[in-house]
Amino acid sequence: MPIAQQYTNTEAARQAILEQIRRAGQKKELATIQAGSGKNTWFVEIEERASEYYAVIGRSTRFDVYLAETNFGYMVAVPNFRRSGHVPADVSEFDVMNYLEIQNRVDAITLAAALQWLITNGYARKMTL
């Protein structure tokens, strides 16, 4: 249901839409980390977007990442790649390749490094049922 239909008052609906637009434009830089394999390393930028999800940018790829802690590990959703799955706290490139089906090794290394940083620093949302 569109936001405007949730309100009977036109001004309240307008304010809700403006708030949603304002939040969508929010961006907070969290970290720039290094990822890589052996001597080949690169920088990975991690940003919080709209106080809801994270943008992981590295090696010409951007992942939009939703991350939640569950009883079985961490639920990761990458909607711009149409992927999701559970990964352990000590996530590796192989976990990303197997559970999220990201087949490019450089992308898997990039995403695994960012997920490790997010989990270690407490940025996973708590999933409540």
C-alpha atoms as a PDB file:
ATOM      1  CA  MET A   1       0.000   0.000   0.000  1.00  0.00           C
ATOM      2  CA  PRO A   2       1.448   3.407  -0.959  1.00  0.00           C
ATOM      3  CA  ILE A   3       2.296   5.632   1.983  1.00  0.00           C
ATOM      4  CA  ALA A   4      -0.236   8.305   0.996  1.00  0.00           C
ATOM      5  CA  GLN A   5      -3.112   5.782   1.259  1.00  0.00           C
ATOM      6  CA  GLN A   6      -2.301   5.081   4.923  1.00  0.00           C
ATOM      7  CA  TYR A   7      -3.391   8.588   5.935  1.00  0.00           C
ATOM      8  CA  THR A   8      -6.785  10.254   5.790  1.00  0.00           C
ATOM      9  CA  ASN A   9      -5.326  13.727   6.293  1.00  0.00           C
ATOM     10  CA  THR A  10      -3.610  15.071   3.155  1.00  0.00           C
ATOM     11  CA  GLU A  11      -1.057  17.062   5.147  1.00  0.00           C
ATOM     12  CA  ALA A  12      -0.106  14.013   7.255  1.00  0.00           C
ATOM     13  CA  ALA A  13       0.370  11.975   4.072  1.00  0.00           C
ATOM     14  CA  ARG A  14       2.500  14.730   2.559  1.00  0.00           C
ATOM     15  CA  GLN A  15       4.701  14.884   5.665  1.00  0.00           C
ATOM     16  CA  ALA A  16       5.118  11.090   5.691  1.00  0.00           C
ATOM     17  CA  ILE A  17       6.208  11.085   2.044  1.00  0.00           C
ATOM     18  CA  LEU A  18       8.650  13.944   2.635  1.00  0.00           C
ATOM     19  CA  GLU A  19      10.117  12.063   5.613  1.00  0.00           C
ATOM     20  CA  GLN A  20      10.551   8.936   3.516  1.00  0.00           C
ATOM     21  CA  ILE A  21      12.320  10.948   0.788  1.00  0.00           C
ATOM     22  CA  ARG A  22      14.567  12.601   3.391  1.00  0.00           C
ATOM     23  CA  ARG A  23      15.531   9.246   4.911  1.00  0.00           C
ATOM     24  CA  ALA A  24      16.185   7.697   1.506  1.00  0.00           C
ATOM     25  CA  GLY A  25      18.812  10.347   0.834  1.00  0.00           C
ATOM     26  CA  GLN A  26      20.703   9.776   4.090  1.00  0.00           C
ATOM     27  CA  LYS A  27      24.177   8.310   3.741  1.00  0.00           C
ATOM     28  CA  LYS A  28      26.694   7.684   6.517  1.00  0.00           C
ATOM     29  CA  GLU A  29      30.210   6.510   5.745  1.00  0.00           C
ATOM     30  CA  LEU A  30      31.110   3.749   8.193  1.00  0.00           C
ATOM     31  CA  ALA A  31      34.518   2.482   7.099  1.00  0.00           C
ATOM     32  CA  THR A  32      37.044   1.935   4.370  1.00  0.00           C
ATOM     33  CA  ILE A  33      38.694  -1.454   4.774  1.00  0.00           C
ATOM     34  CA  GLN A  34      41.041  -3.605   2.718  1.00  0.00           C
ATOM     35  CA  ALA A  35      40.080  -6.881   1.121  1.00  0.00           C
ATOM     36  CA  GLY A  36      42.045  -9.206  -1.054  1.00  0.00           C
ATOM     37  CA  SER A  37      43.882 -12.407  -1.556  1.00  0.00           C
ATOM     38  CA  GLY A  38      47.632 -12.669  -1.211  1.00  0.00           C
ATOM     39  CA  LYS A  39      49.449  -9.655  -2.647  1.00  0.00           C
ATOM     40  CA  ASN A  40      46.380  -8.458  -4.535  1.00  0.00           C
ATOM     41  CA  THR A  41      44.390  -6.123  -2.242  1.00  0.00           C
ATOM     42  CA  TRP A  42      41.854  -3.343  -2.770  1.00  0.00           C
ATOM     43  CA  PHE A  43      39.806  -0.894  -0.750  1.00  0.00           C
ATOM     44  CA  VAL A  44      36.189  -1.558   0.198  1.00  0.00           C
ATOM     45  CA  GLU A  45      33.909   1.270   1.281  1.00  0.00           C
ATOM     46  CA  ILE A  46      31.038   0.537   3.662  1.00  0.00           C
ATOM     47  CA  GLU A  47      28.182   3.041   3.975  1.00  0.00           C
ATOM     48  CA  GLU A  48      24.928   3.007   5.888  1.00  0.00           C
ATOM     49  CA  ARG A  49      22.012   4.071   3.689  1.00  0.00           C
ATOM     50  CA  ALA A  50      18.642   5.369   4.875  1.00  0.00           C
ATOM     51  CA  SER A  51      19.337   3.869   8.329  1.00  0.00           C
ATOM     52  CA  GLU A  52      18.160   0.546   6.866  1.00  0.00           C
ATOM     53  CA  TYR A  53      20.796  -1.116   4.720  1.00  0.00           C
ATOM     54  CA  TYR A  54      24.470  -0.955   3.819  1.00  0.00           C
ATOM     55  CA  ALA A  55      26.211  -0.148   0.562  1.00  0.00           C
ATOM     56  CA  VAL A  56      29.400  -2.144   0.035  1.00  0.00           C
ATOM     57  CA  ILE A  57      31.535  -0.717  -2.768  1.00  0.00           C
ATOM     58  CA  GLY A  58      34.751  -2.255  -4.018  1.00  0.00           C
ATOM     59  CA  ARG A  59      36.445  -3.182  -7.266  1.00  0.00           C
ATOM     60  CA  SER A  60      33.749  -1.647  -9.501  1.00  0.00           C
ATOM     61  CA  THR A  61      30.914  -3.505  -7.762  1.00  0.00           C
ATOM     62  CA  ARG A  62      28.279  -2.199  -5.387  1.00  0.00           C
ATOM     63  CA  PHE A  63      26.243  -4.453  -3.129  1.00  0.00           C
ATOM     64  CA  ASP A  64      23.142  -3.241  -1.300  1.00  0.00           C
ATOM     65  CA  VAL A  65      23.189  -5.358   1.863  1.00  0.00           C
ATOM     66  CA  TYR A  66      20.566  -6.045   4.517  1.00  0.00           C
ATOM     67  CA  LEU A  67      22.052  -7.865   7.509  1.00  0.00           C
ATOM     68  CA  ALA A  68      20.208  -9.414  10.462  1.00  0.00           C
ATOM     69  CA  GLU A  69      21.353 -11.657  13.288  1.00  0.00           C
ATOM     70  CA  THR A  70      19.253 -14.795  13.748  1.00  0.00           C
ATOM     71  CA  ASN A  71      19.455 -17.864  15.975  1.00  0.00           C
ATOM     72  CA  PHE A  72      21.131 -19.714  13.098  1.00  0.00           C
ATOM     73  CA  GLY A  73      23.764 -17.173  12.063  1.00  0.00           C
ATOM     74  CA  TYR A  74      23.357 -14.049  10.010  1.00  0.00           C
ATOM     75  CA  MET A  75      20.720 -13.529   7.349  1.00  0.00           C
ATOM     76  CA  VAL A  76      22.129 -11.565   4.432  1.00  0.00           C
ATOM     77  CA  ALA A  77      20.060 -10.153   1.584  1.00  0.00           C
ATOM     78  CA  VAL A  78      21.603  -8.527  -1.480  1.00  0.00           C
ATOM     79  CA  PRO A  79      18.558  -7.328  -3.435  1.00  0.00           C
ATOM     80  CA  ASN A  80      20.460  -5.717  -6.312  1.00  0.00           C
ATOM     81  CA  PHE A  81      21.978  -9.168  -7.038  1.00  0.00           C
ATOM     82  CA  ARG A  82      18.759 -11.025  -6.103  1.00  0.00           C
ATOM     83  CA  ARG A  83      20.574 -13.129  -3.534  1.00  0.00           C
ATOM     84  CA  SER A  84      20.006 -14.032   0.112  1.00  0.00           C
ATOM     85  CA  GLY A  85      21.118 -16.652   2.589  1.00  0.00           C
ATOM     86  CA  HIS A  86      22.528 -17.443   6.014  1.00  0.00           C
ATOM     87  CA  VAL A  87      26.232 -17.062   6.763  1.00  0.00           C
ATOM     88  CA  PRO A  88      28.250 -17.763   9.935  1.00  0.00           C
ATOM     89  CA  ALA A  89      29.804 -15.016  12.064  1.00  0.00           C
ATOM     90  CA  ASP A  90      33.256 -15.828  10.673  1.00  0.00           C
ATOM     91  CA  VAL A  91      32.022 -15.505   7.087  1.00  0.00           C
ATOM     92  CA  SER A  92      34.545 -16.234   4.344  1.00  0.00           C
ATOM     93  CA  GLU A  93      34.603 -15.856   0.584  1.00  0.00           C
ATOM     94  CA  PHE A  94      33.589 -19.520   0.313  1.00  0.00           C
ATOM     95  CA  ASP A  95      30.519 -18.932   2.507  1.00  0.00           C
ATOM     96  CA  VAL A  96      29.511 -16.022   0.279  1.00  0.00           C
ATOM     97  CA  MET A  97      30.018 -18.124  -2.831  1.00  0.00           C
ATOM     98  CA  ASN A  98      28.123 -21.132  -1.432  1.00  0.00           C
ATOM     99  CA  TYR A  99      25.282 -19.575   0.593  1.00  0.00           C
ATOM    100  CA  LEU A 100      24.698 -16.356  -1.354  1.00  0.00           C
ATOM    101  CA  GLU A 101      25.649 -17.815  -4.751  1.00  0.00           C
ATOM    102  CA  ILE A 102      27.969 -14.921  -5.645  1.00  0.00           C
ATOM    103  CA  GLN A 103      30.158 -16.691  -8.193  1.00  0.00           C
ATOM    104  CA  ASN A 104      32.755 -14.005  -8.915  1.00  0.00           C
ATOM    105  CA  ARG A 105      35.658 -14.599  -6.504  1.00  0.00           C
ATOM    106  CA  VAL A 106      36.625 -10.910  -6.242  1.00  0.00           C
ATOM    107  CA  ASP A 107      33.017  -9.974  -5.437  1.00  0.00           C
ATOM    108  CA  ALA A 108      32.843 -12.782  -2.856  1.00  0.00           C
ATOM    109  CA  ILE A 109      36.046 -11.600  -1.167  1.00  0.00           C
ATOM    110  CA  THR A 110      34.788  -8.002  -1.170  1.00  0.00           C
ATOM    111  CA  LEU A 111      31.415  -8.903   0.327  1.00  0.00           C
ATOM    112  CA  ALA A 112      32.901 -11.319   2.888  1.00  0.00           C
ATOM    113  CA  ALA A 113      35.333  -8.662   4.157  1.00  0.00           C
ATOM    114  CA  ALA A 114      32.513  -6.131   4.526  1.00  0.00           C
ATOM    115  CA  LEU A 115      30.237  -8.649   6.275  1.00  0.00           C
ATOM    116  CA  GLN A 116      33.016  -9.578   8.701  1.00  0.00           C
ATOM    117  CA  TRP A 117      33.517  -5.882   9.523  1.00  0.00           C
ATOM    118  CA  LEU A 118      29.779  -5.232   9.952  1.00  0.00           C
ATOM    119  CA  ILE A 119      29.277  -8.283  12.183  1.00  0.00           C
ATOM    120  CA  THR A 120      32.387  -7.648  14.293  1.00  0.00           C
ATOM    121  CA  ASN A 121      31.397  -4.024  14.858  1.00  0.00           C
ATOM    122  CA  GLY A 122      27.802  -4.800  15.849  1.00  0.00           C
ATOM    123  CA  TYR A 123      25.941  -3.486  12.794  1.00  0.00           C
ATOM    124  CA  ALA A 124      23.768  -6.571  12.262  1.00  0.00           C
ATOM    125  CA  ARG A 125      20.161  -5.886  13.147  1.00  0.00           C
ATOM    126  CA  LYS A 126      18.564  -8.168  15.729  1.00  0.00           C
ATOM    127  CA  MET A 127      15.827 -10.221  14.133  1.00  0.00           C
ATOM    128  CA  THR A 128      12.768 -10.449  16.337  1.00  0.00           C
ATOM    129  CA  LEU A 129       9.858 -12.780  15.770  1.00  0.00           C
END
